[in-house]
N, C-alpha and C. Protein backbone atom coordinates (compact mmCIF):
# COMPACT_ATOMS: atom_id res chain seq x y z
N MET A 1 0.78 -1.11 0.03
CA MET A 1 0.00 -0.03 0.09
C MET A 1 0.90 1.28 -0.12
N ARG A 2 0.72 2.11 -0.98
CA ARG A 2 1.28 3.49 -1.01
C ARG A 2 0.37 4.37 -0.41
N LEU A 3 0.81 5.28 0.49
CA LEU A 3 0.01 6.26 1.12
C LEU A 3 0.87 7.49 1.06
N HIS A 4 0.38 8.52 0.36
CA HIS A 4 1.03 9.77 0.35
C HIS A 4 0.26 10.94 0.93
N THR A 5 0.79 11.73 1.79
CA THR A 5 0.06 12.77 2.47
C THR A 5 0.41 14.30 1.81
N VAL A 6 -0.72 14.79 1.26
CA VAL A 6 -0.59 16.18 0.70
C VAL A 6 -0.94 17.20 1.77
N GLY A 7 0.04 17.93 2.16
CA GLY A 7 -0.19 18.93 3.34
C GLY A 7 -0.45 20.32 2.93
N ARG A 8 -0.58 20.59 1.73
CA ARG A 8 -0.64 22.01 1.26
C ARG A 8 -2.05 22.58 1.47
N LEU A 9 -3.00 21.79 1.79
CA LEU A 9 -4.42 22.12 2.16
C LEU A 9 -4.70 22.43 3.54
N SER A 10 -3.59 22.34 4.40
CA SER A 10 -3.83 22.42 5.81
C SER A 10 -2.84 23.37 6.49
N VAL A 11 -3.33 24.05 7.41
CA VAL A 11 -2.38 24.97 8.17
C VAL A 11 -2.13 24.29 9.55
N ASP A 12 -2.55 23.03 9.77
CA ASP A 12 -2.44 22.51 11.04
C ASP A 12 -2.09 20.94 10.73
N GLU A 13 -1.05 20.42 11.10
CA GLU A 13 -0.75 19.06 10.72
C GLU A 13 -1.52 18.14 11.51
N ARG A 14 -2.14 18.56 12.67
CA ARG A 14 -3.07 17.84 13.55
C ARG A 14 -4.48 17.96 12.93
N GLY A 15 -4.75 18.65 12.02
CA GLY A 15 -6.19 18.91 11.48
C GLY A 15 -6.77 17.67 10.85
N PRO A 16 -7.98 17.76 10.39
CA PRO A 16 -8.70 16.65 9.85
C PRO A 16 -8.03 16.16 8.50
N LEU A 17 -8.36 14.73 8.25
CA LEU A 17 -7.66 14.14 7.15
C LEU A 17 -8.73 13.57 6.17
N LEU A 18 -8.55 13.79 4.96
CA LEU A 18 -9.37 13.10 3.80
C LEU A 18 -8.53 12.07 3.31
N VAL A 19 -9.03 10.87 3.36
CA VAL A 19 -8.38 9.61 2.85
C VAL A 19 -9.04 9.08 1.60
N VAL A 20 -8.23 9.08 0.57
CA VAL A 20 -8.77 8.97 -0.72
C VAL A 20 -8.14 7.70 -1.35
N LEU A 21 -8.88 6.52 -1.43
CA LEU A 21 -8.41 5.40 -2.11
C LEU A 21 -8.49 5.61 -3.63
N ASP A 22 -7.48 5.20 -4.22
CA ASP A 22 -7.21 5.41 -5.65
C ASP A 22 -6.84 7.00 -5.81
N GLY A 23 -6.21 7.52 -4.82
CA GLY A 23 -5.93 8.90 -4.67
C GLY A 23 -5.36 9.49 -5.92
N PRO A 24 -4.21 8.95 -6.51
CA PRO A 24 -3.77 9.58 -7.66
C PRO A 24 -4.74 9.55 -8.78
N GLU A 25 -5.57 8.64 -9.04
CA GLU A 25 -6.61 8.64 -10.10
C GLU A 25 -7.57 9.81 -9.78
N TYR A 26 -8.04 9.95 -8.58
CA TYR A 26 -8.90 11.11 -8.22
C TYR A 26 -8.30 12.41 -8.59
N VAL A 27 -6.98 12.41 -8.35
CA VAL A 27 -6.32 13.80 -8.70
C VAL A 27 -6.27 13.96 -10.16
N ARG A 28 -5.95 12.97 -10.95
CA ARG A 28 -5.71 13.03 -12.34
C ARG A 28 -6.98 13.09 -13.14
N ARG A 29 -7.93 12.35 -12.63
CA ARG A 29 -9.16 12.22 -13.61
C ARG A 29 -10.36 12.88 -12.92
N ALA A 30 -10.32 13.31 -11.69
CA ALA A 30 -11.60 13.99 -11.19
C ALA A 30 -11.02 15.43 -10.59
N SER A 31 -9.79 15.82 -10.86
CA SER A 31 -9.31 17.13 -10.40
C SER A 31 -9.56 17.41 -8.94
N LEU A 32 -9.34 16.40 -8.12
CA LEU A 32 -9.78 16.52 -6.70
C LEU A 32 -8.97 17.63 -5.94
N LEU A 33 -7.75 17.71 -6.11
CA LEU A 33 -6.95 18.66 -5.27
C LEU A 33 -7.54 20.09 -5.81
N ARG A 34 -7.64 20.32 -6.96
CA ARG A 34 -8.34 21.61 -7.44
C ARG A 34 -9.56 21.90 -6.76
N LEU A 35 -10.40 20.90 -6.83
CA LEU A 35 -11.78 20.95 -6.26
C LEU A 35 -11.67 21.46 -4.64
N LEU A 36 -10.71 20.77 -3.94
CA LEU A 36 -10.49 20.94 -2.51
C LEU A 36 -9.96 22.26 -2.21
N ARG A 37 -9.11 22.70 -3.06
CA ARG A 37 -8.35 24.08 -2.79
C ARG A 37 -9.47 25.24 -2.92
N ARG A 38 -10.33 24.98 -3.96
CA ARG A 38 -11.41 25.90 -4.20
C ARG A 38 -12.43 25.94 -3.02
N LEU A 39 -12.66 24.76 -2.52
CA LEU A 39 -13.76 24.83 -1.28
C LEU A 39 -13.08 25.30 -0.14
N VAL A 40 -11.60 25.15 0.18
CA VAL A 40 -11.06 25.82 1.29
C VAL A 40 -11.07 27.42 1.06
N GLU A 41 -10.68 27.72 -0.21
CA GLU A 41 -10.67 29.17 -0.45
C GLU A 41 -11.96 29.95 -0.29
N GLU A 42 -13.04 29.28 -0.58
CA GLU A 42 -14.30 29.81 -0.39
C GLU A 42 -14.98 29.56 0.93
N GLU A 43 -14.21 28.95 1.79
CA GLU A 43 -14.47 28.68 3.19
C GLU A 43 -15.68 27.81 3.44
N ARG A 44 -15.92 26.98 2.29
CA ARG A 44 -17.06 26.02 2.36
C ARG A 44 -16.59 24.74 3.21
N ILE A 45 -15.25 24.52 3.37
CA ILE A 45 -14.80 23.44 4.20
C ILE A 45 -13.48 23.93 4.94
N PRO A 46 -13.21 23.24 6.17
CA PRO A 46 -12.10 23.68 6.77
C PRO A 46 -10.74 23.19 6.07
N ALA A 47 -9.62 23.89 6.41
CA ALA A 47 -8.39 23.44 5.90
C ALA A 47 -8.04 22.14 6.42
N HIS A 48 -7.33 21.16 5.74
CA HIS A 48 -7.07 19.83 6.03
C HIS A 48 -6.05 19.20 5.39
N ARG A 49 -5.68 18.04 5.80
CA ARG A 49 -4.71 17.17 4.99
C ARG A 49 -5.38 16.18 4.05
N VAL A 50 -4.70 15.75 3.05
CA VAL A 50 -5.20 14.65 2.18
C VAL A 50 -4.23 13.51 2.02
N ALA A 51 -4.64 12.31 2.29
CA ALA A 51 -3.84 11.14 2.14
C ALA A 51 -4.36 10.41 0.78
N LEU A 52 -3.39 10.36 -0.11
CA LEU A 52 -3.70 9.77 -1.43
C LEU A 52 -3.15 8.24 -1.45
N VAL A 53 -4.06 7.34 -1.48
CA VAL A 53 -3.82 5.90 -1.15
C VAL A 53 -3.76 5.17 -2.59
N ARG A 54 -2.69 4.47 -2.84
CA ARG A 54 -2.64 3.67 -4.05
C ARG A 54 -2.35 2.17 -3.76
N PRO A 55 -3.18 1.32 -4.09
CA PRO A 55 -3.00 -0.03 -3.69
C PRO A 55 -1.91 -0.84 -4.61
N ASP A 56 -1.37 -1.70 -3.92
CA ASP A 56 -0.48 -2.65 -4.72
C ASP A 56 -1.26 -3.59 -5.66
N ASP A 57 -2.31 -4.08 -5.15
CA ASP A 57 -3.11 -5.17 -5.87
C ASP A 57 -4.66 -4.76 -5.74
N ARG A 58 -5.19 -3.89 -6.54
CA ARG A 58 -6.43 -3.33 -6.31
C ARG A 58 -7.51 -4.35 -6.12
N LEU A 59 -7.62 -5.25 -7.02
CA LEU A 59 -8.55 -6.17 -7.03
C LEU A 59 -8.59 -7.19 -5.71
N GLU A 60 -7.34 -7.33 -5.23
CA GLU A 60 -7.35 -8.14 -3.98
C GLU A 60 -7.63 -7.33 -2.81
N THR A 61 -6.90 -6.26 -2.64
CA THR A 61 -6.97 -5.47 -1.42
C THR A 61 -8.34 -4.76 -1.19
N TYR A 62 -8.95 -4.28 -2.25
CA TYR A 62 -10.20 -3.60 -2.06
C TYR A 62 -11.39 -4.35 -2.10
N SER A 63 -11.24 -5.74 -2.06
CA SER A 63 -12.41 -6.59 -2.19
C SER A 63 -12.69 -7.25 -0.74
N ALA A 64 -12.86 -6.39 0.16
CA ALA A 64 -13.33 -6.79 1.58
C ALA A 64 -12.20 -7.67 2.21
N SER A 65 -11.04 -7.22 2.01
CA SER A 65 -9.80 -7.92 2.50
C SER A 65 -9.43 -7.50 3.90
N VAL A 66 -9.57 -8.51 4.91
CA VAL A 66 -9.37 -8.13 6.29
C VAL A 66 -7.98 -7.58 6.47
N PRO A 67 -6.94 -8.28 6.01
CA PRO A 67 -5.44 -7.72 6.24
C PRO A 67 -5.35 -6.35 5.74
N TYR A 68 -5.96 -6.03 4.51
CA TYR A 68 -5.71 -4.70 4.03
C TYR A 68 -6.49 -3.65 4.88
N ALA A 69 -7.75 -4.00 5.43
CA ALA A 69 -8.37 -3.02 6.34
C ALA A 69 -7.70 -2.82 7.47
N ARG A 70 -7.06 -3.77 8.09
CA ARG A 70 -6.27 -3.47 9.15
C ARG A 70 -4.99 -2.71 8.98
N ALA A 71 -4.31 -3.04 7.67
CA ALA A 71 -3.00 -2.29 7.34
C ALA A 71 -3.49 -0.78 7.19
N LEU A 72 -4.46 -0.62 6.53
CA LEU A 72 -4.98 0.75 6.25
C LEU A 72 -5.04 1.47 7.47
N THR A 73 -5.93 0.91 8.39
CA THR A 73 -6.09 1.64 9.68
C THR A 73 -4.80 1.85 10.45
N ALA A 74 -3.89 0.91 10.36
CA ALA A 74 -2.58 1.06 11.17
C ALA A 74 -1.78 2.26 10.42
N ALA A 75 -1.91 2.37 9.11
CA ALA A 75 -1.10 3.37 8.47
C ALA A 75 -1.65 4.70 8.71
N LEU A 76 -3.01 4.76 8.83
CA LEU A 76 -3.79 6.19 9.23
C LEU A 76 -3.43 6.55 10.55
N ASP A 77 -3.31 5.54 11.51
CA ASP A 77 -3.04 5.83 12.90
C ASP A 77 -1.66 6.58 13.11
N GLU A 78 -0.82 6.09 12.26
CA GLU A 78 0.50 6.64 12.19
C GLU A 78 0.47 8.17 11.83
N LEU A 79 -0.45 8.54 11.03
CA LEU A 79 -0.61 9.88 10.62
C LEU A 79 -1.33 10.76 11.70
N THR A 80 -2.29 10.31 12.20
CA THR A 80 -3.23 11.09 13.03
C THR A 80 -3.21 10.66 14.45
N GLY A 81 -2.71 9.51 14.92
CA GLY A 81 -2.80 8.97 16.32
C GLY A 81 -4.07 8.03 16.32
N ARG A 82 -4.09 7.02 17.14
CA ARG A 82 -5.15 6.10 17.15
C ARG A 82 -6.48 6.78 17.63
N GLY A 83 -7.48 6.63 16.80
CA GLY A 83 -8.71 7.16 17.10
C GLY A 83 -8.91 8.72 17.08
N ARG A 84 -7.99 9.42 16.54
CA ARG A 84 -7.96 10.79 16.43
C ARG A 84 -7.91 11.32 14.87
N GLY A 85 -8.21 12.63 14.89
CA GLY A 85 -7.96 13.22 13.55
C GLY A 85 -9.17 13.55 12.65
N ARG A 86 -10.28 12.99 12.96
CA ARG A 86 -11.56 13.32 12.15
C ARG A 86 -11.22 12.91 10.77
N ARG A 87 -11.09 11.77 10.57
CA ARG A 87 -10.84 11.02 9.18
C ARG A 87 -12.02 10.82 8.46
N VAL A 88 -12.12 11.31 7.14
CA VAL A 88 -13.06 10.92 6.24
C VAL A 88 -12.63 10.20 5.06
N GLY A 89 -13.23 9.10 4.74
CA GLY A 89 -12.77 8.21 3.71
C GLY A 89 -13.57 8.52 2.33
N LEU A 90 -12.87 8.67 1.24
CA LEU A 90 -13.48 8.81 -0.10
C LEU A 90 -13.00 7.75 -1.04
N GLY A 91 -13.87 7.10 -1.70
CA GLY A 91 -13.58 6.13 -2.64
C GLY A 91 -14.69 5.67 -3.70
N SER A 92 -14.29 5.11 -4.77
CA SER A 92 -15.36 4.83 -5.76
C SER A 92 -15.15 3.41 -6.15
N SER A 93 -16.31 2.65 -6.53
CA SER A 93 -16.21 1.41 -6.94
C SER A 93 -15.69 0.41 -5.98
N LEU A 94 -14.71 -0.35 -6.15
CA LEU A 94 -14.24 -1.21 -5.26
C LEU A 94 -13.51 -0.28 -4.09
N GLY A 95 -13.13 0.77 -4.28
CA GLY A 95 -12.71 1.73 -3.30
C GLY A 95 -13.63 2.04 -2.34
N GLY A 96 -14.77 2.23 -2.75
CA GLY A 96 -15.94 2.59 -1.80
C GLY A 96 -16.30 1.23 -0.91
N LEU A 97 -16.29 0.15 -1.58
CA LEU A 97 -16.51 -1.17 -0.82
C LEU A 97 -15.42 -1.31 0.23
N ALA A 98 -14.11 -1.03 -0.12
CA ALA A 98 -12.93 -1.26 0.78
C ALA A 98 -13.17 -0.38 2.04
N LEU A 99 -13.57 0.89 1.81
CA LEU A 99 -13.79 1.98 2.79
C LEU A 99 -14.90 1.45 3.90
N LEU A 100 -15.99 0.93 3.29
CA LEU A 100 -17.06 0.68 4.06
C LEU A 100 -16.60 -0.61 4.82
N HIS A 101 -15.94 -1.56 4.20
CA HIS A 101 -15.37 -2.75 4.98
C HIS A 101 -14.41 -2.39 6.02
N ALA A 102 -13.54 -1.43 5.84
CA ALA A 102 -12.58 -0.96 6.83
C ALA A 102 -13.25 -0.45 8.12
N HIS A 103 -14.33 0.38 7.84
CA HIS A 103 -15.17 1.03 8.81
C HIS A 103 -15.78 0.00 9.63
N ARG A 104 -16.39 -1.04 9.00
CA ARG A 104 -17.16 -2.05 9.69
C ARG A 104 -16.24 -2.99 10.61
N LEU A 105 -15.16 -3.11 10.05
CA LEU A 105 -14.15 -3.94 10.77
C LEU A 105 -13.40 -3.15 11.99
N GLU A 106 -13.17 -1.88 11.67
CA GLU A 106 -12.52 -0.99 12.73
C GLU A 106 -13.34 0.22 12.74
N PRO A 107 -14.37 0.26 13.59
CA PRO A 107 -15.29 1.32 13.53
C PRO A 107 -14.70 2.78 13.94
N ARG A 108 -13.55 2.70 14.49
CA ARG A 108 -12.89 3.96 14.95
C ARG A 108 -12.19 4.53 13.68
N ALA A 109 -12.00 3.81 12.71
CA ALA A 109 -11.13 4.28 11.58
C ALA A 109 -11.56 5.44 10.89
N PHE A 110 -12.75 5.77 10.76
CA PHE A 110 -13.31 7.01 10.05
C PHE A 110 -14.37 7.55 10.75
N SER A 111 -14.43 8.96 10.65
CA SER A 111 -15.52 9.72 11.20
C SER A 111 -16.61 10.04 10.21
N GLY A 112 -16.29 9.72 8.84
CA GLY A 112 -17.25 9.85 7.78
C GLY A 112 -16.89 9.17 6.70
N LEU A 113 -17.81 8.89 5.70
CA LEU A 113 -17.61 8.17 4.56
C LEU A 113 -18.33 8.84 3.35
N PHE A 114 -17.42 8.89 2.20
CA PHE A 114 -18.12 9.39 0.93
C PHE A 114 -17.77 8.24 -0.15
N LEU A 115 -19.01 7.47 -0.33
CA LEU A 115 -18.72 6.33 -1.18
C LEU A 115 -19.51 6.56 -2.48
N GLN A 116 -18.75 6.38 -3.67
CA GLN A 116 -19.28 6.48 -4.96
C GLN A 116 -19.26 5.20 -5.80
N SER A 117 -20.56 4.95 -6.13
CA SER A 117 -20.68 3.68 -6.87
C SER A 117 -20.20 2.47 -6.46
N GLY A 118 -20.29 2.18 -5.05
CA GLY A 118 -19.60 1.24 -4.39
C GLY A 118 -19.93 -0.18 -5.04
N SER A 119 -18.89 -1.10 -5.07
CA SER A 119 -19.15 -2.37 -5.62
C SER A 119 -19.59 -3.39 -4.44
N PHE A 120 -20.92 -3.05 -4.09
CA PHE A 120 -21.53 -3.78 -3.02
C PHE A 120 -22.19 -5.00 -3.68
N PHE A 121 -21.65 -6.04 -4.28
CA PHE A 121 -22.14 -7.10 -5.04
C PHE A 121 -22.71 -7.94 -4.20
N ARG A 122 -24.03 -8.58 -4.58
CA ARG A 122 -24.73 -9.70 -3.97
C ARG A 122 -25.13 -10.61 -5.19
N ARG A 123 -25.24 -11.87 -4.91
CA ARG A 123 -25.50 -12.92 -5.77
C ARG A 123 -26.96 -12.61 -6.44
N ARG A 124 -27.77 -12.12 -5.60
CA ARG A 124 -29.23 -11.89 -6.08
C ARG A 124 -29.36 -10.80 -6.95
N THR A 125 -28.67 -9.77 -6.84
CA THR A 125 -28.79 -8.52 -7.61
C THR A 125 -27.57 -8.29 -8.75
N ASP A 126 -26.58 -8.97 -8.43
CA ASP A 126 -25.39 -8.71 -9.42
C ASP A 126 -24.69 -9.92 -9.90
N PRO A 127 -25.56 -10.73 -10.52
CA PRO A 127 -24.98 -12.09 -11.21
C PRO A 127 -24.00 -11.62 -12.30
N GLN A 128 -24.03 -10.46 -12.96
CA GLN A 128 -23.09 -10.09 -13.96
C GLN A 128 -21.66 -10.01 -13.52
N GLU A 129 -21.62 -9.81 -12.17
CA GLU A 129 -20.21 -9.57 -11.56
C GLU A 129 -19.58 -11.03 -10.95
N SER A 130 -20.41 -12.05 -11.16
CA SER A 130 -19.88 -13.38 -10.59
C SER A 130 -18.61 -13.96 -11.03
N HIS A 131 -18.03 -13.41 -12.17
CA HIS A 131 -16.75 -13.80 -12.66
C HIS A 131 -15.64 -13.24 -11.87
N PHE A 132 -15.90 -12.08 -11.11
CA PHE A 132 -14.83 -11.58 -10.18
C PHE A 132 -14.33 -12.46 -9.37
N ARG A 133 -12.95 -12.53 -9.12
CA ARG A 133 -12.32 -13.56 -8.53
C ARG A 133 -12.67 -13.64 -6.98
N ARG A 134 -13.04 -12.42 -6.36
CA ARG A 134 -13.36 -12.19 -4.90
C ARG A 134 -14.73 -11.96 -4.80
N PHE A 135 -15.73 -12.50 -5.70
CA PHE A 135 -17.10 -12.17 -5.64
C PHE A 135 -17.71 -12.73 -4.38
N SER A 136 -17.45 -14.05 -4.02
CA SER A 136 -18.01 -14.66 -2.90
C SER A 136 -17.64 -13.88 -1.55
N ARG A 137 -16.40 -13.45 -1.46
CA ARG A 137 -15.95 -12.70 -0.31
C ARG A 137 -16.75 -11.40 -0.25
N VAL A 138 -16.83 -10.65 -1.30
CA VAL A 138 -17.59 -9.45 -1.28
C VAL A 138 -19.12 -9.70 -0.87
N ASP A 139 -19.66 -10.78 -1.54
CA ASP A 139 -21.12 -11.04 -1.24
C ASP A 139 -21.39 -11.49 0.29
N ARG A 140 -20.38 -12.09 0.77
CA ARG A 140 -20.49 -12.34 2.31
C ARG A 140 -20.38 -11.13 3.09
N PHE A 141 -19.62 -10.18 2.73
CA PHE A 141 -19.48 -9.02 3.61
C PHE A 141 -20.74 -8.12 3.48
N VAL A 142 -21.20 -7.93 2.19
CA VAL A 142 -22.30 -6.94 1.97
C VAL A 142 -23.41 -7.69 2.63
N GLY A 143 -23.57 -9.01 2.70
CA GLY A 143 -24.71 -9.65 3.35
C GLY A 143 -24.68 -9.17 4.85
N THR A 144 -23.40 -9.16 5.50
CA THR A 144 -23.43 -8.83 6.94
C THR A 144 -23.87 -7.26 7.04
N VAL A 145 -23.66 -6.54 6.01
CA VAL A 145 -24.23 -5.18 6.12
C VAL A 145 -25.65 -5.07 6.12
N LEU A 146 -26.21 -5.69 5.04
CA LEU A 146 -27.53 -5.69 4.85
C LEU A 146 -28.39 -6.24 5.93
N ASN A 147 -27.94 -7.28 6.65
CA ASN A 147 -28.63 -8.08 7.64
C ASN A 147 -28.36 -7.71 9.05
N ALA A 148 -27.47 -6.71 9.32
CA ALA A 148 -27.25 -6.31 10.62
C ALA A 148 -28.25 -5.59 11.22
N LYS A 149 -28.40 -5.70 12.44
CA LYS A 149 -29.64 -4.97 13.26
C LYS A 149 -29.13 -3.64 13.64
N ASP A 150 -27.91 -3.49 14.01
CA ASP A 150 -27.41 -2.18 14.52
C ASP A 150 -26.00 -2.11 14.40
N ARG A 151 -25.24 -0.95 14.58
CA ARG A 151 -23.92 -0.83 14.69
C ARG A 151 -23.48 -0.05 15.91
N ALA A 152 -22.36 -0.26 16.42
CA ALA A 152 -21.86 0.38 17.73
C ALA A 152 -21.46 1.81 17.43
N ARG A 153 -21.03 2.17 16.18
CA ARG A 153 -20.51 3.42 15.83
C ARG A 153 -20.95 3.91 14.49
N PRO A 154 -22.12 4.26 14.28
CA PRO A 154 -22.44 4.67 12.80
C PRO A 154 -21.85 6.23 12.69
N VAL A 155 -21.52 6.34 11.40
CA VAL A 155 -20.99 7.61 10.98
C VAL A 155 -21.73 8.30 9.90
N PRO A 156 -21.56 9.66 9.81
CA PRO A 156 -22.24 10.29 8.53
C PRO A 156 -21.77 9.70 7.38
N THR A 157 -22.55 9.31 6.39
CA THR A 157 -22.16 8.70 5.17
C THR A 157 -22.90 9.15 3.98
N THR A 158 -22.25 9.54 2.87
CA THR A 158 -22.80 9.98 1.73
C THR A 158 -22.57 8.93 0.70
N LEU A 159 -23.52 8.50 -0.10
CA LEU A 159 -23.42 7.46 -1.13
C LEU A 159 -23.86 8.15 -2.43
N THR A 160 -23.09 8.02 -3.60
CA THR A 160 -23.58 8.67 -4.76
C THR A 160 -23.40 7.48 -5.80
N CYS A 161 -24.44 7.58 -6.81
CA CYS A 161 -24.49 6.52 -7.81
C CYS A 161 -25.16 6.99 -9.15
N GLY A 162 -24.68 6.55 -10.21
CA GLY A 162 -25.43 6.74 -11.51
C GLY A 162 -26.70 6.01 -11.65
N LEU A 163 -27.71 6.56 -12.06
CA LEU A 163 -28.92 5.91 -12.40
C LEU A 163 -28.83 4.95 -13.53
N ASP A 164 -27.92 5.12 -14.39
CA ASP A 164 -27.68 4.21 -15.59
C ASP A 164 -26.71 3.23 -15.41
N GLU A 165 -26.27 2.85 -14.30
CA GLU A 165 -25.18 1.81 -14.08
C GLU A 165 -25.79 0.58 -13.34
N GLU A 166 -25.23 -0.52 -13.52
CA GLU A 166 -25.70 -1.78 -13.07
C GLU A 166 -25.52 -1.87 -11.39
N ASN A 167 -24.67 -0.88 -10.90
CA ASN A 167 -24.50 -0.92 -9.40
C ASN A 167 -25.64 -0.09 -8.71
N TYR A 168 -26.51 0.31 -9.31
CA TYR A 168 -27.49 1.19 -8.72
C TYR A 168 -28.22 0.53 -7.58
N ALA A 169 -28.84 -0.82 -7.99
CA ALA A 169 -29.63 -1.42 -6.95
C ALA A 169 -28.96 -1.77 -5.73
N CYS A 170 -27.65 -2.19 -5.83
CA CYS A 170 -26.96 -2.64 -4.56
C CYS A 170 -26.65 -1.37 -3.82
N ASN A 171 -26.25 -0.30 -4.40
CA ASN A 171 -26.01 0.97 -3.71
C ASN A 171 -27.23 1.39 -2.92
N ALA A 172 -28.50 1.42 -3.66
CA ALA A 172 -29.61 1.80 -2.99
C ALA A 172 -29.86 0.87 -1.68
N ALA A 173 -29.63 -0.31 -1.82
CA ALA A 173 -29.90 -1.35 -0.91
C ALA A 173 -28.99 -0.97 0.39
N VAL A 174 -27.85 -0.77 0.17
CA VAL A 174 -26.84 -0.36 1.24
C VAL A 174 -27.18 0.88 2.01
N ALA A 175 -27.53 1.75 1.09
CA ALA A 175 -28.06 3.02 1.82
C ALA A 175 -29.12 2.85 2.63
N ARG A 176 -30.16 2.10 2.30
CA ARG A 176 -31.27 1.84 3.10
C ARG A 176 -30.97 1.02 4.38
N ALA A 177 -29.93 0.09 4.27
CA ALA A 177 -29.61 -0.66 5.35
C ALA A 177 -28.82 0.19 6.40
N LEU A 178 -27.85 1.16 5.80
CA LEU A 178 -27.10 1.85 6.89
C LEU A 178 -28.02 2.97 7.72
N ALA A 179 -29.05 3.40 6.69
CA ALA A 179 -30.01 4.46 7.43
C ALA A 179 -30.74 3.68 8.49
N ALA A 180 -31.15 2.44 8.28
CA ALA A 180 -31.91 1.68 9.24
C ALA A 180 -31.00 1.31 10.57
N GLN A 181 -29.75 1.48 10.38
CA GLN A 181 -28.79 1.15 11.51
C GLN A 181 -28.36 2.37 12.20
N GLY A 182 -28.90 3.46 11.93
CA GLY A 182 -28.56 4.59 12.64
C GLY A 182 -27.65 5.61 12.07
N TYR A 183 -27.22 5.27 10.77
CA TYR A 183 -26.24 6.23 10.10
C TYR A 183 -27.03 7.35 9.57
N ALA A 184 -26.36 8.46 9.52
CA ALA A 184 -26.90 9.59 8.88
C ALA A 184 -26.47 9.57 7.51
N VAL A 185 -27.41 9.04 6.67
CA VAL A 185 -27.02 8.78 5.17
C VAL A 185 -27.80 9.82 4.32
N ASN A 186 -26.96 10.18 3.37
CA ASN A 186 -27.36 10.98 2.25
C ASN A 186 -27.17 10.00 1.01
N PHE A 187 -28.21 9.73 0.23
CA PHE A 187 -27.93 8.88 -0.99
C PHE A 187 -28.42 9.85 -2.21
N HIS A 188 -27.41 10.04 -3.10
CA HIS A 188 -27.65 10.75 -4.22
C HIS A 188 -27.37 10.13 -5.52
N ALA A 189 -28.59 10.07 -6.29
CA ALA A 189 -28.47 9.35 -7.57
C ALA A 189 -28.87 10.27 -8.63
N ALA A 190 -28.10 10.28 -9.85
CA ALA A 190 -28.40 11.28 -10.78
C ALA A 190 -27.94 10.51 -12.17
N ARG A 191 -28.41 10.96 -13.23
CA ARG A 191 -28.04 10.43 -14.63
C ARG A 191 -26.53 10.21 -14.83
N GLY A 192 -26.14 9.13 -15.09
CA GLY A 192 -24.64 8.84 -15.18
C GLY A 192 -24.32 7.45 -15.25
N GLU A 193 -23.15 7.12 -15.62
CA GLU A 193 -22.78 5.65 -15.60
C GLU A 193 -21.60 5.44 -14.48
N HIS A 194 -20.91 4.28 -14.49
CA HIS A 194 -19.93 4.02 -13.64
C HIS A 194 -18.65 4.52 -14.21
N ASP A 195 -18.39 5.74 -14.06
CA ASP A 195 -17.27 6.46 -14.82
C ASP A 195 -16.95 7.71 -14.01
N TRP A 196 -15.64 8.24 -14.32
CA TRP A 196 -15.08 9.38 -13.65
C TRP A 196 -15.89 10.64 -13.87
N SER A 197 -16.48 10.78 -14.94
CA SER A 197 -17.25 12.06 -15.27
C SER A 197 -18.45 12.10 -14.22
N THR A 198 -19.03 11.02 -14.01
CA THR A 198 -20.29 10.92 -13.05
C THR A 198 -19.75 11.17 -11.60
N TRP A 199 -18.62 10.60 -11.15
CA TRP A 199 -18.14 10.73 -9.97
C TRP A 199 -17.62 12.04 -9.71
N ARG A 200 -17.06 12.71 -10.80
CA ARG A 200 -16.46 14.14 -10.49
C ARG A 200 -17.81 14.96 -10.28
N ARG A 201 -18.83 14.87 -11.11
CA ARG A 201 -20.00 15.82 -10.85
C ARG A 201 -20.53 15.62 -9.52
N ALA A 202 -20.60 14.43 -9.00
CA ALA A 202 -21.05 14.19 -7.60
C ALA A 202 -20.25 14.81 -6.58
N LEU A 203 -18.88 14.79 -6.75
CA LEU A 203 -18.05 15.40 -5.78
C LEU A 203 -18.33 16.86 -5.65
N GLU A 204 -18.48 17.56 -6.88
CA GLU A 204 -18.75 18.97 -6.88
C GLU A 204 -19.89 19.33 -6.26
N SER A 205 -20.95 18.40 -6.26
CA SER A 205 -22.29 18.66 -5.68
C SER A 205 -22.42 18.35 -4.28
N HIS A 206 -21.76 17.26 -3.81
CA HIS A 206 -22.15 16.68 -2.43
C HIS A 206 -21.10 16.37 -1.50
N LEU A 207 -19.70 16.63 -1.90
CA LEU A 207 -18.57 16.41 -1.01
C LEU A 207 -18.58 17.53 0.22
N ALA A 208 -18.76 18.72 -0.27
CA ALA A 208 -18.56 19.81 0.72
C ALA A 208 -19.51 19.61 1.92
N PRO A 209 -20.85 19.32 1.84
CA PRO A 209 -21.71 19.24 2.86
C PRO A 209 -21.28 18.09 3.91
N LEU A 210 -20.77 16.99 3.42
CA LEU A 210 -20.36 15.95 4.28
C LEU A 210 -19.17 16.41 5.11
N LEU A 211 -18.12 16.92 4.45
CA LEU A 211 -16.91 17.44 5.04
C LEU A 211 -17.22 18.47 6.13
N ARG A 212 -18.15 19.47 5.77
CA ARG A 212 -18.53 20.33 6.77
C ARG A 212 -19.18 19.71 8.05
N ARG A 213 -20.03 18.76 7.85
CA ARG A 213 -20.88 18.11 8.90
C ARG A 213 -19.78 17.49 9.82
N VAL A 214 -18.79 16.74 9.31
CA VAL A 214 -17.93 15.95 10.13
C VAL A 214 -16.78 16.78 10.76
N TRP A 215 -16.30 17.76 9.95
CA TRP A 215 -15.17 18.64 10.49
C TRP A 215 -15.53 20.02 11.13
N ARG A 216 -16.86 20.24 11.27
CA ARG A 216 -17.24 21.35 11.98
C ARG A 216 -16.82 21.51 13.37
């Protein structure tokens, strides 16, 4: 796991941290740092740090991997201290799945989640994904989320998804389940597919409210 911290958005090294899975891709394809700088300059979000995370084996580590979730949490603890720092996780597709999995395994890991088109595969709703080598592991984890009665530490969570993508049904199901478990959930669906242009538009519209809520 490669984790790089970008400190130019913060005036306080102890300030809040935005943790971005597939971070370099978000910078290159969604202009994330440009957006964050603008939001800070406009005082729509507080100054903060950004951790850009790049996996060594994305299909393995982002597919509800327990060793990866624990390694990610340990790496973040080195940056902010155990249980401190008001960390928010941002990720799309398998990255969104990995963040939710890390939060459920280590509830103290994040204070908020921004999940875009999460790969929340289930056998019942996503048979088209059954060729994925870790499909069974993902299916089992998502089942625990959908069937849980409560959670010890729900956090504010925003989910975004394109109405025209195959992942819509499973994202809607996860949003309903988290809301029923006490999470403060905002689920935003708009015309779009499973691609960076859809995710970039959703960031522009919905990231700032979550960060303000968690970091106020």
